[in-house]
């Protein structure tokens, strides 16, 4: 299987602690991140975005590329 893009994790707990109460997909949209599909991770209180493109080099500390 060919992979495209990268996977980005959005840490919802850290975002909320820092005052960003938006939905993870709204955060991605405002940053200009395009993604193929989203995987909510309620156990980790995070959201994984797979197949991401247009990931900015400067991101908030609660948004990080995984690969």
C-alpha atoms as a PDB file:
ATOM      1  CA  UNK A   1       0.000   0.000   0.000  1.00  0.00           C
ATOM      2  CA  UNK A   2       1.441   3.360  -0.984  1.00  0.00           C
ATOM      3  CA  UNK A   3       1.357   6.056   1.620  1.00  0.00           C
ATOM      4  CA  UNK A   4       0.878   9.712   0.947  1.00  0.00           C
ATOM      5  CA  UNK A   5       1.137  12.650   3.232  1.00  0.00           C
ATOM      6  CA  UNK A   6       1.966  12.442   6.874  1.00  0.00           C
ATOM      7  CA  UNK A   7       0.052  11.736  10.073  1.00  0.00           C
ATOM      8  CA  UNK A   8      -0.583  14.631  12.424  1.00  0.00           C
ATOM      9  CA  UNK A   9      -1.697  14.297  16.049  1.00  0.00           C
ATOM     10  CA  UNK A  10      -3.757  16.960  17.799  1.00  0.00           C
ATOM     11  CA  UNK A  11      -3.621  16.699  21.604  1.00  0.00           C
ATOM     12  CA  UNK A  12      -7.028  17.899  22.788  1.00  0.00           C
ATOM     13  CA  UNK A  13      -6.085  18.088  26.488  1.00  0.00           C
ATOM     14  CA  UNK A  14      -3.074  20.324  25.893  1.00  0.00           C
ATOM     15  CA  UNK A  15      -5.076  22.473  23.470  1.00  0.00           C
ATOM     16  CA  UNK A  16      -7.821  22.996  26.043  1.00  0.00           C
ATOM     17  CA  UNK A  17      -5.289  23.665  28.815  1.00  0.00           C
ATOM     18  CA  UNK A  18      -3.822  26.421  26.637  1.00  0.00           C
ATOM     19  CA  UNK A  19      -7.278  27.905  25.999  1.00  0.00           C
ATOM     20  CA  UNK A  20      -8.008  26.432  22.552  1.00  0.00           C
ATOM     21  CA  UNK A  21     -11.405  24.781  22.931  1.00  0.00           C
ATOM     22  CA  UNK A  22     -12.041  24.274  19.213  1.00  0.00           C
ATOM     23  CA  UNK A  23     -12.775  20.904  17.643  1.00  0.00           C
ATOM     24  CA  UNK A  24      -9.557  19.276  16.348  1.00  0.00           C
ATOM     25  CA  UNK A  25     -10.767  19.474  12.747  1.00  0.00           C
ATOM     26  CA  UNK A  26     -11.372  23.212  13.159  1.00  0.00           C
ATOM     27  CA  UNK A  27      -7.816  23.589  14.434  1.00  0.00           C
ATOM     28  CA  UNK A  28      -6.503  21.714  11.375  1.00  0.00           C
ATOM     29  CA  UNK A  29      -8.628  23.814   9.037  1.00  0.00           C
ATOM     30  CA  UNK A  30      -7.379  27.110  10.467  1.00  0.00           C
ATOM     31  CA  UNK A  31      -3.777  25.904  10.146  1.00  0.00           C
ATOM     32  CA  UNK A  32      -4.420  25.023   6.492  1.00  0.00           C
ATOM     33  CA  UNK A  33      -3.780  21.310   7.001  1.00  0.00           C
ATOM     34  CA  UNK A  34      -5.500  19.105   4.441  1.00  0.00           C
ATOM     35  CA  UNK A  35      -6.041  15.449   5.365  1.00  0.00           C
ATOM     36  CA  UNK A  36      -7.435  12.245   3.853  1.00  0.00           C
ATOM     37  CA  UNK A  37      -9.209  10.989   6.979  1.00  0.00           C
ATOM     38  CA  UNK A  38      -9.470  11.638  10.713  1.00  0.00           C
ATOM     39  CA  UNK A  39      -9.226   9.075  13.499  1.00  0.00           C
ATOM     40  CA  UNK A  40     -10.644  10.194  16.853  1.00  0.00           C
ATOM     41  CA  UNK A  41      -8.702   8.708  19.760  1.00  0.00           C
ATOM     42  CA  UNK A  42     -10.946   9.168  22.828  1.00  0.00           C
ATOM     43  CA  UNK A  43      -8.687   7.033  25.036  1.00  0.00           C
ATOM     44  CA  UNK A  44      -5.736   9.321  24.281  1.00  0.00           C
ATOM     45  CA  UNK A  45      -7.946  12.436  24.130  1.00  0.00           C
ATOM     46  CA  UNK A  46      -6.411  13.143  20.748  1.00  0.00           C
ATOM     47  CA  UNK A  47      -7.261  13.125  17.076  1.00  0.00           C
ATOM     48  CA  UNK A  48      -5.022  11.644  14.387  1.00  0.00           C
ATOM     49  CA  UNK A  49      -5.204  13.111  10.905  1.00  0.00           C
ATOM     50  CA  UNK A  50      -3.893  10.764   8.219  1.00  0.00           C
ATOM     51  CA  UNK A  51      -2.632  11.586   4.736  1.00  0.00           C
ATOM     52  CA  UNK A  52      -1.935  15.216   5.631  1.00  0.00           C
ATOM     53  CA  UNK A  53      -0.598  17.726   3.156  1.00  0.00           C
ATOM     54  CA  UNK A  54       0.098  21.436   3.507  1.00  0.00           C
ATOM     55  CA  UNK A  55       1.374  20.998   7.080  1.00  0.00           C
ATOM     56  CA  UNK A  56       2.968  24.280   8.198  1.00  0.00           C
ATOM     57  CA  UNK A  57       6.475  24.165   9.632  1.00  0.00           C
ATOM     58  CA  UNK A  58       5.396  26.207  12.683  1.00  0.00           C
ATOM     59  CA  UNK A  59       2.674  24.513  14.711  1.00  0.00           C
ATOM     60  CA  UNK A  60       1.188  24.988  18.180  1.00  0.00           C
ATOM     61  CA  UNK A  61       2.710  22.616  20.759  1.00  0.00           C
ATOM     62  CA  UNK A  62      -0.484  20.529  20.770  1.00  0.00           C
ATOM     63  CA  UNK A  63      -0.223  19.767  17.030  1.00  0.00           C
ATOM     64  CA  UNK A  64       2.630  17.539  15.881  1.00  0.00           C
ATOM     65  CA  UNK A  65       3.558  15.436  12.868  1.00  0.00           C
ATOM     66  CA  UNK A  66       4.150  11.785  13.729  1.00  0.00           C
ATOM     67  CA  UNK A  67       6.079  10.669  10.654  1.00  0.00           C
END
